Amino acid sequence: MKKLLLSVLAVTFFTIQSIAQIYVGEEAKDVKKESKQEESPKANTKSSSRYKDRYIHLGYFSPKMEPSENYEYGPFTPNAHPKYGLFLEKGKYRFYRDNFIFKNNCNIGLYSGFSIGFLAYDFGLPDSFSGLTIPYVFVDYKLGPDFRYEISDVIILDLYGNVGISMSGGGYVQDGDGISMYNPTMPAFAFQSGVGLDVSFGAFIVGTQLNFAKAKYKYDVVEDDNFGSTETVSEQYDVLINSFKVHIGFMFK
């Protein structure tokens, strides 16, 4: 009886010890798996993931507005020229894949923008003029490729091209006695192309744009025949409206 009891105790002891070893081994395997997961590389959290979507620009521009020839009457005579302009632009960058070239620091996507602005214009009117003038208004939409380079986790450089459509109106002039001198009869439409460069510091943007376009402006113009009488004629002007812009802004989701 005593030997039987000792045998039962021995079997029980070895069984418990084997179960304990198996449990410890499984636990060690789980710990090893967790450590491997912790050692796996972290996902790319660079600034392109945080600030890559939308932007707003507020800027200054001064288009050349050079006529293709010298006009004797109207808003595009040699002594008339733009003074300054302001614009507001809103748009979006589109990237369909995370950074993938140049050591994960670069990306290629699309840039699009819609802007509206006004231009103060010197119509070359005499000093005695006391009537009404309305500045030019510009509206445009553009789209093009964007090349993005991430200088650091915070600083981003965007180089983009664009093509689009621009519409311009305004340039109305009326003298003091109510006679319209320059009356635009329709908005001017133009196809435009250009390039731009933005540098972003976190969400803050500074940048510049260069755009090229040519439009046809149509006006009813009151001409003075220098003999005390006037005549209203319809004039068409071919005008280059190339412009250089500088802007500040910010990006947001």
C-alpha atoms as a PDB file:
ATOM      1  CA  MET A   1       0.000   0.000   0.000  1.00  0.00           C
ATOM      2  CA  LYS A   2       2.820   2.317   0.856  1.00  0.00           C
ATOM      3  CA  LYS A   3       4.606   1.568  -2.440  1.00  0.00           C
ATOM      4  CA  LEU A   4       1.393   2.163  -4.392  1.00  0.00           C
ATOM      5  CA  LEU A   5       0.893   5.573  -2.731  1.00  0.00           C
ATOM      6  CA  LEU A   6       4.481   6.595  -3.549  1.00  0.00           C
ATOM      7  CA  SER A   7       3.978   5.550  -7.197  1.00  0.00           C
ATOM      8  CA  VAL A   8       0.779   7.634  -7.495  1.00  0.00           C
ATOM      9  CA  LEU A   9       2.527  10.701  -6.003  1.00  0.00           C
ATOM     10  CA  ALA A  10       5.477  10.308  -8.394  1.00  0.00           C
ATOM     11  CA  VAL A  11       3.226  10.082 -11.451  1.00  0.00           C
ATOM     12  CA  THR A  12       1.230  13.122 -10.302  1.00  0.00           C
ATOM     13  CA  PHE A  13       4.406  15.185  -9.752  1.00  0.00           C
ATOM     14  CA  PHE A  14       5.872  14.452 -13.184  1.00  0.00           C
ATOM     15  CA  THR A  15       2.530  15.151 -14.867  1.00  0.00           C
ATOM     16  CA  ILE A  16       2.250  18.569 -13.194  1.00  0.00           C
ATOM     17  CA  GLN A  17       5.871  19.368 -14.092  1.00  0.00           C
ATOM     18  CA  SER A  18       5.293  18.482 -17.771  1.00  0.00           C
ATOM     19  CA  ILE A  19       2.166  20.655 -17.940  1.00  0.00           C
ATOM     20  CA  ALA A  20       4.084  23.550 -16.401  1.00  0.00           C
ATOM     21  CA  GLN A  21       6.879  23.212 -18.956  1.00  0.00           C
ATOM     22  CA  ILE A  22       4.400  23.188 -21.840  1.00  0.00           C
ATOM     23  CA  TYR A  23       2.637  26.303 -20.479  1.00  0.00           C
ATOM     24  CA  VAL A  24       5.923  28.147 -20.012  1.00  0.00           C
ATOM     25  CA  GLY A  25       6.991  27.242 -23.564  1.00  0.00           C
ATOM     26  CA  GLU A  26       3.757  28.533 -25.116  1.00  0.00           C
ATOM     27  CA  GLU A  27       4.012  31.721 -23.124  1.00  0.00           C
ATOM     28  CA  ALA A  28       7.579  32.215 -24.318  1.00  0.00           C
ATOM     29  CA  LYS A  29       6.437  31.787 -27.914  1.00  0.00           C
ATOM     30  CA  ASP A  30       3.729  34.439 -27.441  1.00  0.00           C
ATOM     31  CA  VAL A  31       6.247  36.862 -25.919  1.00  0.00           C
ATOM     32  CA  LYS A  32       8.580  36.259 -28.844  1.00  0.00           C
ATOM     33  CA  LYS A  33       5.787  37.006 -31.344  1.00  0.00           C
ATOM     34  CA  GLU A  34       4.927  40.241 -29.552  1.00  0.00           C
ATOM     35  CA  SER A  35       8.559  41.353 -29.556  1.00  0.00           C
ATOM     36  CA  LYS A  36       8.771  40.745 -33.315  1.00  0.00           C
ATOM     37  CA  GLN A  37       5.671  42.854 -33.855  1.00  0.00           C
ATOM     38  CA  GLU A  38       7.172  45.689 -31.818  1.00  0.00           C
ATOM     39  CA  GLU A  39      10.374  45.525 -33.860  1.00  0.00           C
ATOM     40  CA  SER A  40       8.525  45.863 -37.195  1.00  0.00           C
ATOM     41  CA  PRO A  41       9.107  49.223 -38.998  1.00  0.00           C
ATOM     42  CA  LYS A  42       6.628  51.988 -38.312  1.00  0.00           C
ATOM     43  CA  ALA A  43       4.349  53.351 -41.021  1.00  0.00           C
ATOM     44  CA  ASN A  44       5.466  56.476 -42.863  1.00  0.00           C
ATOM     45  CA  THR A  45       4.014  59.473 -41.004  1.00  0.00           C
ATOM     46  CA  LYS A  46       5.779  62.231 -42.943  1.00  0.00           C
ATOM     47  CA  SER A  47       4.201  65.573 -43.621  1.00  0.00           C
ATOM     48  CA  SER A  48       2.783  64.446 -46.980  1.00  0.00           C
ATOM     49  CA  SER A  49       0.321  62.355 -44.999  1.00  0.00           C
ATOM     50  CA  ARG A  50      -0.663  65.270 -42.793  1.00  0.00           C
ATOM     51  CA  TYR A  51      -0.777  68.251 -45.171  1.00  0.00           C
ATOM     52  CA  LYS A  52      -1.311  66.939 -48.689  1.00  0.00           C
ATOM     53  CA  ASP A  53      -4.917  67.717 -49.491  1.00  0.00           C
ATOM     54  CA  ARG A  54      -6.224  71.292 -49.727  1.00  0.00           C
ATOM     55  CA  TYR A  55      -4.747  74.791 -49.794  1.00  0.00           C
ATOM     56  CA  ILE A  56      -5.679  78.467 -49.801  1.00  0.00           C
ATOM     57  CA  HIS A  57      -3.463  81.173 -51.336  1.00  0.00           C
ATOM     58  CA  LEU A  58      -3.745  84.938 -50.913  1.00  0.00           C
ATOM     59  CA  GLY A  59      -1.462  86.831 -53.226  1.00  0.00           C
ATOM     60  CA  TYR A  60      -0.339  89.776 -55.334  1.00  0.00           C
ATOM     61  CA  PHE A  61      -0.108  89.833 -59.117  1.00  0.00           C
ATOM     62  CA  SER A  62       0.550  92.280 -61.921  1.00  0.00           C
ATOM     63  CA  PRO A  63      -0.171  91.033 -65.446  1.00  0.00           C
ATOM     64  CA  LYS A  64       1.517  92.711 -68.374  1.00  0.00           C
ATOM     65  CA  MET A  65      -1.719  93.136 -70.408  1.00  0.00           C
ATOM     66  CA  GLU A  66       0.270  94.098 -73.483  1.00  0.00           C
ATOM     67  CA  PRO A  67      -1.801  94.633 -76.672  1.00  0.00           C
ATOM     68  CA  SER A  68      -0.545  92.968 -79.825  1.00  0.00           C
ATOM     69  CA  GLU A  69      -0.481  96.391 -81.529  1.00  0.00           C
ATOM     70  CA  ASN A  70      -0.734 100.051 -80.565  1.00  0.00           C
ATOM     71  CA  TYR A  71      -4.362 101.136 -80.287  1.00  0.00           C
ATOM     72  CA  GLU A  72      -5.315 104.800 -80.588  1.00  0.00           C
ATOM     73  CA  TYR A  73      -8.490 104.615 -78.487  1.00  0.00           C
ATOM     74  CA  GLY A  74      -9.732 102.568 -75.549  1.00  0.00           C
ATOM     75  CA  PRO A  75      -8.213 101.006 -72.418  1.00  0.00           C
ATOM     76  CA  PHE A  76      -5.146  99.520 -74.149  1.00  0.00           C
ATOM     77  CA  THR A  77      -3.428 102.627 -75.470  1.00  0.00           C
ATOM     78  CA  PRO A  78       0.332 103.024 -74.852  1.00  0.00           C
ATOM     79  CA  ASN A  79      -0.204 105.289 -71.821  1.00  0.00           C
ATOM     80  CA  ALA A  80      -2.508 102.758 -70.058  1.00  0.00           C
ATOM     81  CA  HIS A  81      -1.147  99.940 -67.903  1.00  0.00           C
ATOM     82  CA  PRO A  82      -1.940  97.711 -64.872  1.00  0.00           C
ATOM     83  CA  LYS A  83      -1.031  98.978 -61.407  1.00  0.00           C
ATOM     84  CA  TYR A  84      -1.513  96.089 -58.943  1.00  0.00           C
ATOM     85  CA  GLY A  85      -3.809  93.165 -58.299  1.00  0.00           C
ATOM     86  CA  LEU A  86      -4.875  90.858 -55.470  1.00  0.00           C
ATOM     87  CA  PHE A  87      -6.220  87.319 -55.756  1.00  0.00           C
ATOM     88  CA  LEU A  88      -7.585  84.488 -53.623  1.00  0.00           C
ATOM     89  CA  GLU A  89      -7.023  80.907 -54.754  1.00  0.00           C
ATOM     90  CA  LYS A  90      -8.365  77.643 -53.366  1.00  0.00           C
ATOM     91  CA  GLY A  91      -7.386  74.213 -54.584  1.00  0.00           C
ATOM     92  CA  LYS A  92      -6.187  70.707 -53.888  1.00  0.00           C
ATOM     93  CA  TYR A  93      -3.221  68.377 -54.239  1.00  0.00           C
ATOM     94  CA  ARG A  94      -4.031  64.766 -55.102  1.00  0.00           C
ATOM     95  CA  PHE A  95      -1.626  61.954 -54.309  1.00  0.00           C
ATOM     96  CA  TYR A  96      -2.829  58.410 -54.928  1.00  0.00           C
ATOM     97  CA  ARG A  97       0.129  56.671 -53.300  1.00  0.00           C
ATOM     98  CA  ASP A  98       2.501  57.318 -50.397  1.00  0.00           C
ATOM     99  CA  ASN A  99       6.065  58.469 -51.020  1.00  0.00           C
ATOM    100  CA  PHE A 100       7.781  56.029 -53.347  1.00  0.00           C
ATOM    101  CA  ILE A 101      10.839  57.561 -55.057  1.00  0.00           C
ATOM    102  CA  PHE A 102      14.172  59.039 -53.978  1.00  0.00           C
ATOM    103  CA  LYS A 103      14.458  57.268 -50.625  1.00  0.00           C
ATOM    104  CA  ASN A 104      10.754  57.784 -49.834  1.00  0.00           C
ATOM    105  CA  ASN A 105      11.133  61.577 -49.982  1.00  0.00           C
ATOM    106  CA  CYS A 106       9.324  62.347 -53.260  1.00  0.00           C
ATOM    107  CA  ASN A 107       5.917  61.953 -54.803  1.00  0.00           C
ATOM    108  CA  ILE A 108       4.096  62.766 -58.045  1.00  0.00           C
ATOM    109  CA  GLY A 109       0.452  63.848 -58.158  1.00  0.00           C
ATOM    110  CA  LEU A 110      -1.998  66.431 -59.487  1.00  0.00           C
ATOM    111  CA  TYR A 111      -2.501  70.104 -58.615  1.00  0.00           C
ATOM    112  CA  SER A 112      -5.729  72.019 -59.241  1.00  0.00           C
ATOM    113  CA  GLY A 113      -6.851  75.508 -58.344  1.00  0.00           C
ATOM    114  CA  PHE A 114      -9.680  78.012 -58.684  1.00  0.00           C
ATOM    115  CA  SER A 115      -8.923  81.691 -58.150  1.00  0.00           C
ATOM    116  CA  ILE A 116     -10.616  85.065 -58.296  1.00  0.00           C
ATOM    117  CA  GLY A 117      -8.910  88.452 -58.236  1.00  0.00           C
ATOM    118  CA  PHE A 118      -9.181  92.111 -59.180  1.00  0.00           C
ATOM    119  CA  LEU A 119      -6.723  94.423 -60.878  1.00  0.00           C
ATOM    120  CA  ALA A 120      -6.383  98.161 -60.355  1.00  0.00           C
ATOM    121  CA  TYR A 121      -5.667  99.721 -63.754  1.00  0.00           C
ATOM    122  CA  ASP A 122      -4.313 103.050 -64.947  1.00  0.00           C
ATOM    123  CA  PHE A 123      -6.457 103.914 -67.981  1.00  0.00           C
ATOM    124  CA  GLY A 124      -4.269 106.860 -68.923  1.00  0.00           C
ATOM    125  CA  LEU A 125      -7.121 109.308 -68.389  1.00  0.00           C
ATOM    126  CA  PRO A 126      -6.486 113.058 -68.192  1.00  0.00           C
ATOM    127  CA  ASP A 127      -5.982 114.690 -64.819  1.00  0.00           C
ATOM    128  CA  SER A 128      -9.317 116.499 -65.237  1.00  0.00           C
ATOM    129  CA  PHE A 129     -11.226 113.177 -65.325  1.00  0.00           C
ATOM    130  CA  SER A 130     -13.805 112.959 -62.529  1.00  0.00           C
ATOM    131  CA  GLY A 131     -15.978 110.030 -63.568  1.00  0.00           C
ATOM    132  CA  LEU A 132     -16.288 106.335 -62.702  1.00  0.00           C
ATOM    133  CA  THR A 133     -13.793 103.539 -63.372  1.00  0.00           C
ATOM    134  CA  ILE A 134     -14.277  99.835 -62.577  1.00  0.00           C
ATOM    135  CA  PRO A 135     -11.186  97.605 -62.210  1.00  0.00           C
ATOM    136  CA  TYR A 136     -10.659  94.344 -64.054  1.00  0.00           C
ATOM    137  CA  VAL A 137     -11.804  91.094 -62.461  1.00  0.00           C
ATOM    138  CA  PHE A 138     -10.098  87.769 -63.203  1.00  0.00           C
ATOM    139  CA  VAL A 139     -11.439  84.248 -62.612  1.00  0.00           C
ATOM    140  CA  ASP A 140      -9.512  81.134 -63.585  1.00  0.00           C
ATOM    141  CA  TYR A 141      -9.404  77.379 -63.161  1.00  0.00           C
ATOM    142  CA  LYS A 142      -6.249  75.360 -63.725  1.00  0.00           C
ATOM    143  CA  LEU A 143      -5.021  71.785 -63.460  1.00  0.00           C
ATOM    144  CA  GLY A 144      -1.626  70.148 -63.858  1.00  0.00           C
ATOM    145  CA  PRO A 145       1.031  67.721 -62.572  1.00  0.00           C
ATOM    146  CA  ASP A 146       2.797  68.273 -59.252  1.00  0.00           C
ATOM    147  CA  PHE A 147       6.225  67.059 -58.154  1.00  0.00           C
ATOM    148  CA  ARG A 148       6.653  67.062 -54.364  1.00  0.00           C
ATOM    149  CA  TYR A 149       9.959  66.766 -52.509  1.00  0.00           C
ATOM    150  CA  GLU A 150       9.997  66.458 -48.717  1.00  0.00           C
ATOM    151  CA  ILE A 151      13.098  68.253 -47.499  1.00  0.00           C
ATOM    152  CA  SER A 152      12.318  67.223 -43.922  1.00  0.00           C
ATOM    153  CA  ASP A 153       9.363  66.076 -41.841  1.00  0.00           C
ATOM    154  CA  VAL A 154       8.143  69.690 -41.816  1.00  0.00           C
ATOM    155  CA  ILE A 155       9.463  71.428 -44.975  1.00  0.00           C
ATOM    156  CA  ILE A 156       7.890  70.483 -48.334  1.00  0.00           C
ATOM    157  CA  LEU A 157       8.690  71.739 -51.831  1.00  0.00           C
ATOM    158  CA  ASP A 158       6.019  71.551 -54.583  1.00  0.00           C
ATOM    159  CA  LEU A 159       6.855  72.238 -58.231  1.00  0.00           C
ATOM    160  CA  TYR A 160       3.787  72.215 -60.488  1.00  0.00           C
ATOM    161  CA  GLY A 161       2.681  73.064 -63.993  1.00  0.00           C
ATOM    162  CA  ASN A 162      -0.819  74.021 -65.060  1.00  0.00           C
ATOM    163  CA  VAL A 163      -3.141  74.535 -67.982  1.00  0.00           C
ATOM    164  CA  GLY A 164      -6.577  76.063 -67.682  1.00  0.00           C
ATOM    165  CA  ILE A 165      -9.159  78.651 -68.630  1.00  0.00           C
ATOM    166  CA  SER A 166      -9.197  82.289 -67.553  1.00  0.00           C
ATOM    167  CA  MET A 167     -12.052  84.792 -67.757  1.00  0.00           C
ATOM    168  CA  SER A 168     -11.619  88.544 -67.393  1.00  0.00           C
ATOM    169  CA  GLY A 169     -14.160  91.347 -67.234  1.00  0.00           C
ATOM    170  CA  GLY A 170     -14.441  94.960 -66.141  1.00  0.00           C
ATOM    171  CA  GLY A 171     -12.430  97.924 -67.293  1.00  0.00           C
ATOM    172  CA  TYR A 172     -15.512 100.126 -67.489  1.00  0.00           C
ATOM    173  CA  VAL A 173     -14.945 103.884 -67.688  1.00  0.00           C
ATOM    174  CA  GLN A 174     -17.615 106.601 -67.605  1.00  0.00           C
ATOM    175  CA  ASP A 175     -16.873 110.290 -67.645  1.00  0.00           C
ATOM    176  CA  GLY A 176     -18.426 112.923 -65.414  1.00  0.00           C
ATOM    177  CA  ASP A 177     -21.315 113.950 -67.682  1.00  0.00           C
ATOM    178  CA  GLY A 178     -22.628 110.394 -68.035  1.00  0.00           C
ATOM    179  CA  ILE A 179     -21.161 109.478 -71.437  1.00  0.00           C
ATOM    180  CA  SER A 180     -19.644 106.016 -71.489  1.00  0.00           C
ATOM    181  CA  MET A 181     -16.086 106.176 -72.772  1.00  0.00           C
ATOM    182  CA  TYR A 182     -14.994 102.509 -72.486  1.00  0.00           C
ATOM    183  CA  ASN A 183     -17.870 100.043 -72.147  1.00  0.00           C
ATOM    184  CA  PRO A 184     -16.929  96.298 -72.234  1.00  0.00           C
ATOM    185  CA  THR A 185     -19.478  94.331 -74.236  1.00  0.00           C
ATOM    186  CA  MET A 186     -18.479  90.781 -73.186  1.00  0.00           C
ATOM    187  CA  PRO A 187     -16.015  88.987 -70.888  1.00  0.00           C
ATOM    188  CA  ALA A 188     -12.661  87.952 -72.322  1.00  0.00           C
ATOM    189  CA  PHE A 189     -11.846  84.216 -72.298  1.00  0.00           C
ATOM    190  CA  ALA A 190      -8.372  82.753 -72.623  1.00  0.00           C
ATOM    191  CA  PHE A 191      -6.535  79.456 -72.403  1.00  0.00           C
ATOM    192  CA  GLN A 192      -3.614  79.744 -70.028  1.00  0.00           C
ATOM    193  CA  SER A 193      -0.540  77.751 -69.074  1.00  0.00           C
ATOM    194  CA  GLY A 194       2.087  78.222 -66.418  1.00  0.00           C
ATOM    195  CA  VAL A 195       4.329  76.914 -63.665  1.00  0.00           C
ATOM    196  CA  GLY A 196       4.421  77.389 -59.911  1.00  0.00           C
ATOM    197  CA  LEU A 197       6.679  76.753 -56.929  1.00  0.00           C
ATOM    198  CA  ASP A 198       5.514  76.429 -53.308  1.00  0.00           C
ATOM    199  CA  VAL A 199       7.522  75.880 -50.139  1.00  0.00           C
ATOM    200  CA  SER A 200       5.480  74.698 -47.141  1.00  0.00           C
ATOM    201  CA  PHE A 201       6.618  74.928 -43.532  1.00  0.00           C
ATOM    202  CA  GLY A 202       4.190  72.575 -41.808  1.00  0.00           C
ATOM    203  CA  ALA A 203       0.842  73.957 -42.917  1.00  0.00           C
ATOM    204  CA  PHE A 204       2.162  77.427 -43.894  1.00  0.00           C
ATOM    205  CA  ILE A 205       2.876  78.148 -47.596  1.00  0.00           C
ATOM    206  CA  VAL A 206       4.942  80.751 -49.471  1.00  0.00           C
ATOM    207  CA  GLY A 207       5.182  80.537 -53.242  1.00  0.00           C
ATOM    208  CA  THR A 208       5.129  82.046 -56.696  1.00  0.00           C
ATOM    209  CA  GLN A 209       3.403  81.427 -60.044  1.00  0.00           C
ATOM    210  CA  LEU A 210       4.074  82.430 -63.648  1.00  0.00           C
ATOM    211  CA  ASN A 211       1.147  82.267 -66.099  1.00  0.00           C
ATOM    212  CA  PHE A 212       0.789  82.917 -69.834  1.00  0.00           C
ATOM    213  CA  ALA A 213      -2.432  83.742 -71.704  1.00  0.00           C
ATOM    214  CA  LYS A 214      -3.843  85.765 -74.595  1.00  0.00           C
ATOM    215  CA  ALA A 215      -7.418  87.092 -74.715  1.00  0.00           C
ATOM    216  CA  LYS A 216      -9.711  89.187 -76.900  1.00  0.00           C
ATOM    217  CA  TYR A 217     -11.366  92.160 -75.208  1.00  0.00           C
ATOM    218  CA  LYS A 218     -14.375  93.836 -76.859  1.00  0.00           C
ATOM    219  CA  TYR A 219     -15.471  97.399 -76.041  1.00  0.00           C
ATOM    220  CA  ASP A 220     -17.785 100.099 -77.234  1.00  0.00           C
ATOM    221  CA  VAL A 221     -15.519 103.148 -77.225  1.00  0.00           C
ATOM    222  CA  VAL A 222     -16.477 106.801 -77.487  1.00  0.00           C
ATOM    223  CA  GLU A 223     -13.960 108.464 -79.790  1.00  0.00           C
ATOM    224  CA  ASP A 224     -13.366 112.200 -79.920  1.00  0.00           C
ATOM    225  CA  ASP A 225     -12.768 113.483 -83.447  1.00  0.00           C
ATOM    226  CA  ASN A 226     -11.066 116.624 -82.060  1.00  0.00           C
ATOM    227  CA  PHE A 227     -13.764 118.805 -83.687  1.00  0.00           C
ATOM    228  CA  GLY A 228     -16.216 118.860 -80.790  1.00  0.00           C
ATOM    229  CA  SER A 229     -18.155 115.722 -81.707  1.00  0.00           C
ATOM    230  CA  THR A 230     -17.930 112.099 -80.613  1.00  0.00           C
ATOM    231  CA  GLU A 231     -18.572 108.739 -82.194  1.00  0.00           C
ATOM    232  CA  THR A 232     -19.160 105.363 -80.550  1.00  0.00           C
ATOM    233  CA  VAL A 233     -17.364 102.498 -82.255  1.00  0.00           C
ATOM    234  CA  SER A 234     -16.987  98.814 -81.444  1.00  0.00           C
ATOM    235  CA  GLU A 235     -13.357  97.814 -80.909  1.00  0.00           C
ATOM    236  CA  GLN A 236     -11.667  94.436 -80.438  1.00  0.00           C
ATOM    237  CA  TYR A 237      -8.298  94.169 -78.671  1.00  0.00           C
ATOM    238  CA  ASP A 238      -5.893  91.213 -78.741  1.00  0.00           C
ATOM    239  CA  VAL A 239      -4.101  91.382 -75.411  1.00  0.00           C
ATOM    240  CA  LEU A 240      -1.379  89.286 -73.751  1.00  0.00           C
ATOM    241  CA  ILE A 241      -2.255  88.860 -70.082  1.00  0.00           C
ATOM    242  CA  ASN A 242       0.907  87.132 -68.863  1.00  0.00           C
ATOM    243  CA  SER A 243       1.197  87.477 -65.102  1.00  0.00           C
ATOM    244  CA  PHE A 244       3.665  86.933 -62.270  1.00  0.00           C
ATOM    245  CA  LYS A 245       2.156  86.100 -58.875  1.00  0.00           C
ATOM    246  CA  VAL A 246       3.457  85.763 -55.326  1.00  0.00           C
ATOM    247  CA  HIS A 247       1.363  84.329 -52.539  1.00  0.00           C
ATOM    248  CA  ILE A 248       1.142  83.095 -48.971  1.00  0.00           C
ATOM    249  CA  GLY A 249      -1.336  80.593 -47.577  1.00  0.00           C
ATOM    250  CA  PHE A 250      -1.812  77.357 -45.711  1.00  0.00           C
ATOM    251  CA  MET A 251      -2.719  73.708 -46.298  1.00  0.00           C
ATOM    252  CA  PHE A 252      -5.400  71.795 -44.482  1.00  0.00           C
ATOM    253  CA  LYS A 253      -7.212  68.464 -44.567  1.00  0.00           C
END
